[in-house]
Amino acid sequence: MNPVVHLWQSVRAIGFATYKEWAAYRSHMAVSLLVGPVYFLVQYMIWHAIYEGKDAINGLTLAQMLSYFGIAAVVNYFAFDFADWNLQMLVRTGKFVTFALRPMPHWLFALAQKLGHRSLGFAIECVPVFLIFLFVFRIDLKPAAPGWAAISIALSFLMNFMVNYCVGLTAFWLVRAEGVRRVFLLLKDISAGLFVPLSFFPGWAQHVLFYLPFQFITYVPTRVYVGKYELAGMHLSLPGIVGLQAGATAIVAGLMLLLYRQALRRFTGVGV
């Protein structure tokens, strides 16, 4: 059998098994139908108060700001990832040894798991929340360029996984990595534009954030979705920013593979 076909069949089988496993606990995901809209409602009230008497802030109208948070919420549901927590748990409990002996690298196994998990999440979380934002809150969720938006969201999916997996790999060097994980993920969410658009940060901070990979998780796919990208005084076309996102994703992939190899060497050394 062709090795590529065999690999794809393995990934598909792991993804489908994960899909069926989480389908048994789908009520856990369904909680998002309450959490997501409630969080957005809070944002809705806060920004209504901030925009009182103002037509626009930093070039964004109230409608555009609400669209930003609505789109960002849906993107984050789709790209949601817990590879960091899962990997650290495997290392801490010693169960990672079973994966070290398998022919498939654990990062690929974890990615296959995420594909299955998010396939279920797409149906239970993304679509219902999208419809709530569209028909209840009347948020404009029509993509300016559906093709570029789809590519950018797919790259966001991969970037979030690889960044989180790199965080999880710190467990091979740290005895208790939970504190590092929580601090890093908070900084990641802030730097990704989850809580406020990055264009609202001071100029010097925008220049720093532009060269970090985190903007490609939330801010970039959201701005591509609305059809306009701007950060640190730079305006890029959709092909330009998506191309930059693809390049950043490739660089982070290389970094993840390098850290993975180093982690396996350390794991083997400790085992010996």
C-alpha atoms as a PDB file:
ATOM      1  CA  MET A   1       0.000   0.000   0.000  1.00  0.00           C
ATOM      2  CA  ASN A   2       1.163   3.523  -0.775  1.00  0.00           C
ATOM      3  CA  PRO A   3       2.682   5.012   2.435  1.00  0.00           C
ATOM      4  CA  VAL A   4       0.794   8.281   1.947  1.00  0.00           C
ATOM      5  CA  VAL A   5      -2.520   6.457   1.550  1.00  0.00           C
ATOM      6  CA  HIS A   6      -1.763   4.300   4.597  1.00  0.00           C
ATOM      7  CA  LEU A   7      -0.920   7.416   6.645  1.00  0.00           C
ATOM      8  CA  TRP A   8      -4.122   9.137   5.572  1.00  0.00           C
ATOM      9  CA  GLN A   9      -6.183   6.080   6.473  1.00  0.00           C
ATOM     10  CA  SER A  10      -4.564   6.020   9.925  1.00  0.00           C
ATOM     11  CA  VAL A  11      -5.260   9.727  10.479  1.00  0.00           C
ATOM     12  CA  ARG A  12      -8.857   9.287   9.315  1.00  0.00           C
ATOM     13  CA  ALA A  13      -9.364   6.277  11.604  1.00  0.00           C
ATOM     14  CA  ILE A  14      -8.006   8.157  14.650  1.00  0.00           C
ATOM     15  CA  GLY A  15     -10.124  11.188  13.826  1.00  0.00           C
ATOM     16  CA  PHE A  16     -13.268   9.097  13.432  1.00  0.00           C
ATOM     17  CA  ALA A  17     -12.599   7.250  16.705  1.00  0.00           C
ATOM     18  CA  THR A  18     -12.168  10.601  18.478  1.00  0.00           C
ATOM     19  CA  TYR A  19     -15.382  11.859  16.868  1.00  0.00           C
ATOM     20  CA  LYS A  20     -17.330   8.859  18.185  1.00  0.00           C
ATOM     21  CA  GLU A  21     -15.729   9.134  21.624  1.00  0.00           C
ATOM     22  CA  TRP A  22     -16.662  12.791  22.061  1.00  0.00           C
ATOM     23  CA  ALA A  23     -20.104  12.236  20.527  1.00  0.00           C
ATOM     24  CA  ALA A  24     -20.910  10.251  23.667  1.00  0.00           C
ATOM     25  CA  TYR A  25     -20.242  13.435  25.667  1.00  0.00           C
ATOM     26  CA  ARG A  26     -21.695  15.933  23.202  1.00  0.00           C
ATOM     27  CA  SER A  27     -23.640  17.673  25.991  1.00  0.00           C
ATOM     28  CA  HIS A  28     -20.248  18.943  27.203  1.00  0.00           C
ATOM     29  CA  MET A  29     -19.792  20.779  23.903  1.00  0.00           C
ATOM     30  CA  ALA A  30     -23.420  21.923  23.860  1.00  0.00           C
ATOM     31  CA  VAL A  31     -22.660  24.097  26.897  1.00  0.00           C
ATOM     32  CA  SER A  32     -20.944  26.400  24.396  1.00  0.00           C
ATOM     33  CA  LEU A  33     -24.395  27.289  23.069  1.00  0.00           C
ATOM     34  CA  LEU A  34     -24.874  29.155  26.344  1.00  0.00           C
ATOM     35  CA  VAL A  35     -21.338  30.294  27.156  1.00  0.00           C
ATOM     36  CA  GLY A  36     -20.531  31.774  23.736  1.00  0.00           C
ATOM     37  CA  PRO A  37     -23.662  33.930  23.332  1.00  0.00           C
ATOM     38  CA  VAL A  38     -23.526  35.083  26.990  1.00  0.00           C
ATOM     39  CA  TYR A  39     -19.901  36.185  26.553  1.00  0.00           C
ATOM     40  CA  PHE A  40     -20.858  37.980  23.344  1.00  0.00           C
ATOM     41  CA  LEU A  41     -23.816  39.644  25.106  1.00  0.00           C
ATOM     42  CA  VAL A  42     -21.397  41.082  27.676  1.00  0.00           C
ATOM     43  CA  GLN A  43     -19.190  42.377  24.841  1.00  0.00           C
ATOM     44  CA  TYR A  44     -22.300  43.752  23.156  1.00  0.00           C
ATOM     45  CA  MET A  45     -23.251  45.833  26.212  1.00  0.00           C
ATOM     46  CA  ILE A  46     -19.685  47.002  26.907  1.00  0.00           C
ATOM     47  CA  TRP A  47     -19.060  48.237  23.378  1.00  0.00           C
ATOM     48  CA  HIS A  48     -22.477  49.870  23.152  1.00  0.00           C
ATOM     49  CA  ALA A  49     -21.504  51.919  26.220  1.00  0.00           C
ATOM     50  CA  ILE A  50     -18.037  52.724  24.826  1.00  0.00           C
ATOM     51  CA  TYR A  51     -19.459  53.848  21.465  1.00  0.00           C
ATOM     52  CA  GLU A  52     -22.149  56.066  22.982  1.00  0.00           C
ATOM     53  CA  GLY A  53     -21.946  59.403  21.189  1.00  0.00           C
ATOM     54  CA  LYS A  54     -19.223  58.152  18.823  1.00  0.00           C
ATOM     55  CA  ASP A  55     -19.564  57.061  15.201  1.00  0.00           C
ATOM     56  CA  ALA A  56     -16.266  55.180  15.059  1.00  0.00           C
ATOM     57  CA  ILE A  57     -13.243  54.290  17.193  1.00  0.00           C
ATOM     58  CA  ASN A  58      -9.887  53.540  15.561  1.00  0.00           C
ATOM     59  CA  GLY A  59     -11.673  53.411  12.226  1.00  0.00           C
ATOM     60  CA  LEU A  60     -14.224  50.800  13.322  1.00  0.00           C
ATOM     61  CA  THR A  61     -17.937  51.494  13.676  1.00  0.00           C
ATOM     62  CA  LEU A  62     -20.010  49.765  16.348  1.00  0.00           C
ATOM     63  CA  ALA A  63     -21.433  47.355  13.759  1.00  0.00           C
ATOM     64  CA  GLN A  64     -17.928  46.481  12.553  1.00  0.00           C
ATOM     65  CA  MET A  65     -16.714  45.969  16.118  1.00  0.00           C
ATOM     66  CA  LEU A  66     -19.589  43.604  16.913  1.00  0.00           C
ATOM     67  CA  SER A  67     -18.942  41.742  13.661  1.00  0.00           C
ATOM     68  CA  TYR A  68     -15.298  41.388  14.694  1.00  0.00           C
ATOM     69  CA  PHE A  69     -16.193  39.725  17.988  1.00  0.00           C
ATOM     70  CA  GLY A  70     -18.879  37.559  16.412  1.00  0.00           C
ATOM     71  CA  ILE A  71     -16.509  36.278  13.727  1.00  0.00           C
ATOM     72  CA  ALA A  72     -13.651  35.880  16.230  1.00  0.00           C
ATOM     73  CA  ALA A  73     -15.890  33.749  18.458  1.00  0.00           C
ATOM     74  CA  VAL A  74     -16.861  31.412  15.605  1.00  0.00           C
ATOM     75  CA  VAL A  75     -13.230  31.150  14.424  1.00  0.00           C
ATOM     76  CA  ASN A  76     -12.077  30.252  17.927  1.00  0.00           C
ATOM     77  CA  TYR A  77     -14.761  27.587  18.264  1.00  0.00           C
ATOM     78  CA  PHE A  78     -13.458  26.024  15.060  1.00  0.00           C
ATOM     79  CA  ALA A  79      -9.752  26.327  15.991  1.00  0.00           C
ATOM     80  CA  PHE A  80     -10.219  25.333  19.648  1.00  0.00           C
ATOM     81  CA  ASP A  81      -7.417  23.100  20.876  1.00  0.00           C
ATOM     82  CA  PHE A  82      -6.267  21.327  24.045  1.00  0.00           C
ATOM     83  CA  ALA A  83      -3.135  19.581  22.735  1.00  0.00           C
ATOM     84  CA  ASP A  84      -1.050  21.343  25.410  1.00  0.00           C
ATOM     85  CA  TRP A  85      -3.114  19.968  28.308  1.00  0.00           C
ATOM     86  CA  ASN A  86      -3.325  16.476  26.819  1.00  0.00           C
ATOM     87  CA  LEU A  87       0.413  16.222  26.125  1.00  0.00           C
ATOM     88  CA  GLN A  88       1.393  17.481  29.576  1.00  0.00           C
ATOM     89  CA  MET A  89      -0.969  14.978  31.172  1.00  0.00           C
ATOM     90  CA  LEU A  90       0.593  12.105  29.182  1.00  0.00           C
ATOM     91  CA  VAL A  91       4.106  13.152  30.190  1.00  0.00           C
ATOM     92  CA  ARG A  92       3.229  13.701  33.848  1.00  0.00           C
ATOM     93  CA  THR A  93       1.488  10.338  34.218  1.00  0.00           C
ATOM     94  CA  GLY A  94       4.098   8.429  32.201  1.00  0.00           C
ATOM     95  CA  LYS A  95       1.561   7.326  29.591  1.00  0.00           C
ATOM     96  CA  PHE A  96       3.537   9.043  26.845  1.00  0.00           C
ATOM     97  CA  VAL A  97       5.849   6.005  26.764  1.00  0.00           C
ATOM     98  CA  THR A  98       3.174   4.088  24.834  1.00  0.00           C
ATOM     99  CA  PHE A  99       3.255   6.734  22.115  1.00  0.00           C
ATOM    100  CA  ALA A 100       7.058   6.826  22.005  1.00  0.00           C
ATOM    101  CA  LEU A 101       6.987   3.179  20.921  1.00  0.00           C
ATOM    102  CA  ARG A 102       4.496   3.673  18.090  1.00  0.00           C
ATOM    103  CA  PRO A 103       5.476   4.232  14.425  1.00  0.00           C
ATOM    104  CA  MET A 104       3.263   7.334  14.189  1.00  0.00           C
ATOM    105  CA  PRO A 105       4.697  10.462  15.876  1.00  0.00           C
ATOM    106  CA  HIS A 106       2.536  11.716  18.700  1.00  0.00           C
ATOM    107  CA  TRP A 107       2.097  15.183  17.164  1.00  0.00           C
ATOM    108  CA  LEU A 108       0.396  13.612  14.149  1.00  0.00           C
ATOM    109  CA  PHE A 109      -1.766  11.450  16.411  1.00  0.00           C
ATOM    110  CA  ALA A 110      -2.764  14.587  18.368  1.00  0.00           C
ATOM    111  CA  LEU A 111      -3.561  16.450  15.137  1.00  0.00           C
ATOM    112  CA  ALA A 112      -5.747  13.547  13.978  1.00  0.00           C
ATOM    113  CA  GLN A 113      -7.547  13.685  17.333  1.00  0.00           C
ATOM    114  CA  LYS A 114      -8.153  17.395  16.883  1.00  0.00           C
ATOM    115  CA  LEU A 115      -9.582  16.845  13.404  1.00  0.00           C
ATOM    116  CA  GLY A 116     -12.118  14.412  14.846  1.00  0.00           C
ATOM    117  CA  HIS A 117     -12.886  16.580  17.863  1.00  0.00           C
ATOM    118  CA  ARG A 118     -13.413  19.742  15.835  1.00  0.00           C
ATOM    119  CA  SER A 119     -15.494  17.916  13.219  1.00  0.00           C
ATOM    120  CA  LEU A 120     -17.997  17.239  15.966  1.00  0.00           C
ATOM    121  CA  GLY A 121     -17.503  20.726  17.382  1.00  0.00           C
ATOM    122  CA  PHE A 122     -18.277  22.263  14.010  1.00  0.00           C
ATOM    123  CA  ALA A 123     -21.756  20.721  14.047  1.00  0.00           C
ATOM    124  CA  ILE A 124     -22.516  21.194  17.752  1.00  0.00           C
ATOM    125  CA  GLU A 125     -20.759  24.504  18.458  1.00  0.00           C
ATOM    126  CA  CYS A 126     -19.795  26.497  15.364  1.00  0.00           C
ATOM    127  CA  VAL A 127     -22.955  26.234  13.270  1.00  0.00           C
ATOM    128  CA  PRO A 128     -25.505  26.854  16.108  1.00  0.00           C
ATOM    129  CA  VAL A 129     -23.500  29.787  17.531  1.00  0.00           C
ATOM    130  CA  PHE A 130     -23.080  31.223  14.036  1.00  0.00           C
ATOM    131  CA  LEU A 131     -26.864  31.096  13.559  1.00  0.00           C
ATOM    132  CA  ILE A 132     -27.472  32.681  16.984  1.00  0.00           C
ATOM    133  CA  PHE A 133     -25.161  35.589  16.146  1.00  0.00           C
ATOM    134  CA  LEU A 134     -26.744  35.948  12.703  1.00  0.00           C
ATOM    135  CA  PHE A 135     -30.457  35.797  13.580  1.00  0.00           C
ATOM    136  CA  VAL A 136     -30.620  36.776  17.268  1.00  0.00           C
ATOM    137  CA  PHE A 137     -27.933  39.481  17.467  1.00  0.00           C
ATOM    138  CA  ARG A 138     -28.294  40.466  13.784  1.00  0.00           C
ATOM    139  CA  ILE A 139     -24.515  40.458  13.259  1.00  0.00           C
ATOM    140  CA  ASP A 140     -23.195  40.712   9.708  1.00  0.00           C
ATOM    141  CA  LEU A 141     -21.300  37.430   9.258  1.00  0.00           C
ATOM    142  CA  LYS A 142     -21.048  37.401   5.470  1.00  0.00           C
ATOM    143  CA  PRO A 143     -17.395  36.854   4.416  1.00  0.00           C
ATOM    144  CA  ALA A 144     -15.988  39.432   2.030  1.00  0.00           C
ATOM    145  CA  ALA A 145     -14.005  36.752   0.179  1.00  0.00           C
ATOM    146  CA  PRO A 146     -15.185  33.241   1.145  1.00  0.00           C
ATOM    147  CA  GLY A 147     -12.204  31.458  -0.446  1.00  0.00           C
ATOM    148  CA  TRP A 148      -9.522  33.496   1.318  1.00  0.00           C
ATOM    149  CA  ALA A 149     -11.512  33.361   4.566  1.00  0.00           C
ATOM    150  CA  ALA A 150     -11.678  29.553   4.418  1.00  0.00           C
ATOM    151  CA  ILE A 151      -7.912  29.261   3.794  1.00  0.00           C
ATOM    152  CA  SER A 152      -7.116  31.688   6.611  1.00  0.00           C
ATOM    153  CA  ILE A 153      -9.369  29.856   9.091  1.00  0.00           C
ATOM    154  CA  ALA A 154      -7.776  26.522   8.122  1.00  0.00           C
ATOM    155  CA  LEU A 155      -4.315  27.994   8.742  1.00  0.00           C
ATOM    156  CA  SER A 156      -5.583  29.350  12.070  1.00  0.00           C
ATOM    157  CA  PHE A 157      -6.673  25.817  12.947  1.00  0.00           C
ATOM    158  CA  LEU A 158      -3.148  24.514  12.315  1.00  0.00           C
ATOM    159  CA  MET A 159      -1.381  27.449  13.977  1.00  0.00           C
ATOM    160  CA  ASN A 160      -3.377  27.139  17.192  1.00  0.00           C
ATOM    161  CA  PHE A 161      -2.624  23.416  17.358  1.00  0.00           C
ATOM    162  CA  MET A 162       1.112  23.850  16.792  1.00  0.00           C
ATOM    163  CA  VAL A 163       1.500  26.718  19.267  1.00  0.00           C
ATOM    164  CA  ASN A 164      -0.372  24.777  21.934  1.00  0.00           C
ATOM    165  CA  TYR A 165       1.608  21.617  21.187  1.00  0.00           C
ATOM    166  CA  CYS A 166       4.851  23.547  21.650  1.00  0.00           C
ATOM    167  CA  VAL A 167       3.548  24.696  25.043  1.00  0.00           C
ATOM    168  CA  GLY A 168       2.741  21.087  25.914  1.00  0.00           C
ATOM    169  CA  LEU A 169       6.297  20.034  25.024  1.00  0.00           C
ATOM    170  CA  THR A 170       7.617  22.132  27.931  1.00  0.00           C
ATOM    171  CA  ALA A 171       6.454  19.249  30.160  1.00  0.00           C
ATOM    172  CA  PHE A 172       9.575  17.326  29.077  1.00  0.00           C
ATOM    173  CA  TRP A 173      11.759  19.957  30.745  1.00  0.00           C
ATOM    174  CA  LEU A 174       9.539  21.138  33.618  1.00  0.00           C
ATOM    175  CA  VAL A 175       8.277  18.951  36.435  1.00  0.00           C
ATOM    176  CA  ARG A 176       5.052  20.924  36.774  1.00  0.00           C
ATOM    177  CA  ALA A 177       4.263  22.918  33.634  1.00  0.00           C
ATOM    178  CA  GLU A 178       0.676  23.881  34.487  1.00  0.00           C
ATOM    179  CA  GLY A 179       1.595  27.388  35.689  1.00  0.00           C
ATOM    180  CA  VAL A 180       3.676  28.097  32.584  1.00  0.00           C
ATOM    181  CA  ARG A 181       0.867  26.770  30.425  1.00  0.00           C
ATOM    182  CA  ARG A 182      -1.785  29.024  31.955  1.00  0.00           C
ATOM    183  CA  VAL A 183       0.316  32.186  31.808  1.00  0.00           C
ATOM    184  CA  PHE A 184       1.407  31.515  28.234  1.00  0.00           C
ATOM    185  CA  LEU A 185      -2.121  30.758  27.007  1.00  0.00           C
ATOM    186  CA  LEU A 186      -3.423  33.970  28.573  1.00  0.00           C
ATOM    187  CA  LEU A 187      -0.710  35.998  26.849  1.00  0.00           C
ATOM    188  CA  LYS A 188      -1.448  34.103  23.636  1.00  0.00           C
ATOM    189  CA  ASP A 189      -5.154  35.023  23.749  1.00  0.00           C
ATOM    190  CA  ILE A 190      -4.333  38.681  24.391  1.00  0.00           C
ATOM    191  CA  SER A 191      -1.738  38.765  21.603  1.00  0.00           C
ATOM    192  CA  ALA A 192      -4.115  36.957  19.222  1.00  0.00           C
ATOM    193  CA  GLY A 193      -6.748  39.696  19.486  1.00  0.00           C
ATOM    194  CA  LEU A 194      -9.334  37.587  21.283  1.00  0.00           C
ATOM    195  CA  PHE A 195     -10.266  40.232  23.871  1.00  0.00           C
ATOM    196  CA  VAL A 196      -9.732  43.400  21.820  1.00  0.00           C
ATOM    197  CA  PRO A 197      -8.636  44.012  18.207  1.00  0.00           C
ATOM    198  CA  LEU A 198      -4.861  44.356  17.963  1.00  0.00           C
ATOM    199  CA  SER A 199      -5.293  47.681  16.146  1.00  0.00           C
ATOM    200  CA  PHE A 200      -6.417  49.128  19.508  1.00  0.00           C
ATOM    201  CA  PHE A 201      -3.005  48.534  21.084  1.00  0.00           C
ATOM    202  CA  PRO A 202      -0.371  51.319  21.234  1.00  0.00           C
ATOM    203  CA  GLY A 203       1.760  51.709  18.133  1.00  0.00           C
ATOM    204  CA  TRP A 204       4.894  50.141  19.637  1.00  0.00           C
ATOM    205  CA  ALA A 205       2.885  47.129  20.841  1.00  0.00           C
ATOM    206  CA  GLN A 206       1.339  46.663  17.386  1.00  0.00           C
ATOM    207  CA  HIS A 207       4.802  46.485  15.835  1.00  0.00           C
ATOM    208  CA  VAL A 208       5.796  43.770  18.328  1.00  0.00           C
ATOM    209  CA  LEU A 209       2.555  41.833  17.820  1.00  0.00           C
ATOM    210  CA  PHE A 210       2.954  41.982  14.044  1.00  0.00           C
ATOM    211  CA  TYR A 211       6.084  39.809  14.254  1.00  0.00           C
ATOM    212  CA  LEU A 212       4.610  37.271  16.672  1.00  0.00           C
ATOM    213  CA  PRO A 213       2.689  34.218  15.407  1.00  0.00           C
ATOM    214  CA  PHE A 214      -0.317  34.726  17.668  1.00  0.00           C
ATOM    215  CA  GLN A 215      -2.115  37.252  15.454  1.00  0.00           C
ATOM    216  CA  PHE A 216      -2.557  34.467  12.892  1.00  0.00           C
ATOM    217  CA  ILE A 217      -4.783  32.533  15.311  1.00  0.00           C
ATOM    218  CA  THR A 218      -7.625  35.037  15.720  1.00  0.00           C
ATOM    219  CA  TYR A 219      -6.891  38.550  14.462  1.00  0.00           C
ATOM    220  CA  VAL A 220      -5.773  37.673  10.934  1.00  0.00           C
ATOM    221  CA  PRO A 221      -8.560  35.195  10.042  1.00  0.00           C
ATOM    222  CA  THR A 222     -11.121  37.615  11.474  1.00  0.00           C
ATOM    223  CA  ARG A 223      -9.789  40.555   9.449  1.00  0.00           C
ATOM    224  CA  VAL A 224      -9.513  38.388   6.327  1.00  0.00           C
ATOM    225  CA  TYR A 225     -13.132  37.360   6.902  1.00  0.00           C
ATOM    226  CA  VAL A 226     -14.251  41.017   6.880  1.00  0.00           C
ATOM    227  CA  GLY A 227     -12.010  41.729   3.877  1.00  0.00           C
ATOM    228  CA  LYS A 228      -9.593  44.277   5.332  1.00  0.00           C
ATOM    229  CA  TYR A 229      -6.288  43.860   7.199  1.00  0.00           C
ATOM    230  CA  GLU A 230      -4.447  46.618   9.040  1.00  0.00           C
ATOM    231  CA  LEU A 231      -1.903  46.503  11.866  1.00  0.00           C
ATOM    232  CA  ALA A 232       1.009  48.708  12.920  1.00  0.00           C
ATOM    233  CA  GLY A 233       0.197  51.114  10.092  1.00  0.00           C
ATOM    234  CA  MET A 234       0.529  48.354   7.480  1.00  0.00           C
ATOM    235  CA  HIS A 235      -2.324  47.580   5.099  1.00  0.00           C
ATOM    236  CA  LEU A 236      -2.034  44.248   3.307  1.00  0.00           C
ATOM    237  CA  SER A 237      -4.187  42.712   0.601  1.00  0.00           C
ATOM    238  CA  LEU A 238      -5.993  39.457   1.367  1.00  0.00           C
ATOM    239  CA  PRO A 239      -3.589  37.339  -0.755  1.00  0.00           C
ATOM    240  CA  GLY A 240      -0.673  39.131   0.912  1.00  0.00           C
ATOM    241  CA  ILE A 241      -1.741  38.562   4.508  1.00  0.00           C
ATOM    242  CA  VAL A 242      -2.885  34.971   3.870  1.00  0.00           C
ATOM    243  CA  GLY A 243       0.464  34.268   2.214  1.00  0.00           C
ATOM    244  CA  LEU A 244       2.224  35.734   5.256  1.00  0.00           C
ATOM    245  CA  GLN A 245       0.016  33.568   7.471  1.00  0.00           C
ATOM    246  CA  ALA A 246       0.984  30.461   5.484  1.00  0.00           C
ATOM    247  CA  GLY A 247       4.683  31.330   5.824  1.00  0.00           C
ATOM    248  CA  ALA A 248       4.347  31.857   9.581  1.00  0.00           C
ATOM    249  CA  THR A 249       2.492  28.539   9.890  1.00  0.00           C
ATOM    250  CA  ALA A 250       5.338  26.754   8.082  1.00  0.00           C
ATOM    251  CA  ILE A 251       7.937  28.346  10.379  1.00  0.00           C
ATOM    252  CA  VAL A 252       6.023  27.350  13.534  1.00  0.00           C
ATOM    253  CA  ALA A 253       5.636  23.820  12.103  1.00  0.00           C
ATOM    254  CA  GLY A 254       9.415  23.593  11.742  1.00  0.00           C
ATOM    255  CA  LEU A 255       9.881  24.864  15.300  1.00  0.00           C
ATOM    256  CA  MET A 256       7.382  22.327  16.630  1.00  0.00           C
ATOM    257  CA  LEU A 257       9.137  19.424  14.873  1.00  0.00           C
ATOM    258  CA  LEU A 258      12.515  20.588  16.207  1.00  0.00           C
ATOM    259  CA  LEU A 259      11.209  20.813  19.782  1.00  0.00           C
ATOM    260  CA  TYR A 260       9.516  17.431  19.374  1.00  0.00           C
ATOM    261  CA  ARG A 261      12.785  15.763  18.379  1.00  0.00           C
ATOM    262  CA  GLN A 262      14.606  17.399  21.292  1.00  0.00           C
ATOM    263  CA  ALA A 263      11.838  16.325  23.685  1.00  0.00           C
ATOM    264  CA  LEU A 264      12.064  12.699  22.520  1.00  0.00           C
ATOM    265  CA  ARG A 265      15.823  12.706  23.068  1.00  0.00           C
ATOM    266  CA  ARG A 266      15.339  14.017  26.582  1.00  0.00           C
ATOM    267  CA  PHE A 267      12.567  11.491  27.234  1.00  0.00           C
ATOM    268  CA  THR A 268      14.772   8.634  26.042  1.00  0.00           C
ATOM    269  CA  GLY A 269      17.683   9.903  28.116  1.00  0.00           C
ATOM    270  CA  VAL A 270      15.613  10.044  31.281  1.00  0.00           C
ATOM    271  CA  GLY A 271      14.188   6.600  30.521  1.00  0.00           C
ATOM    272  CA  VAL A 272      17.662   5.112  30.198  1.00  0.00           C
END
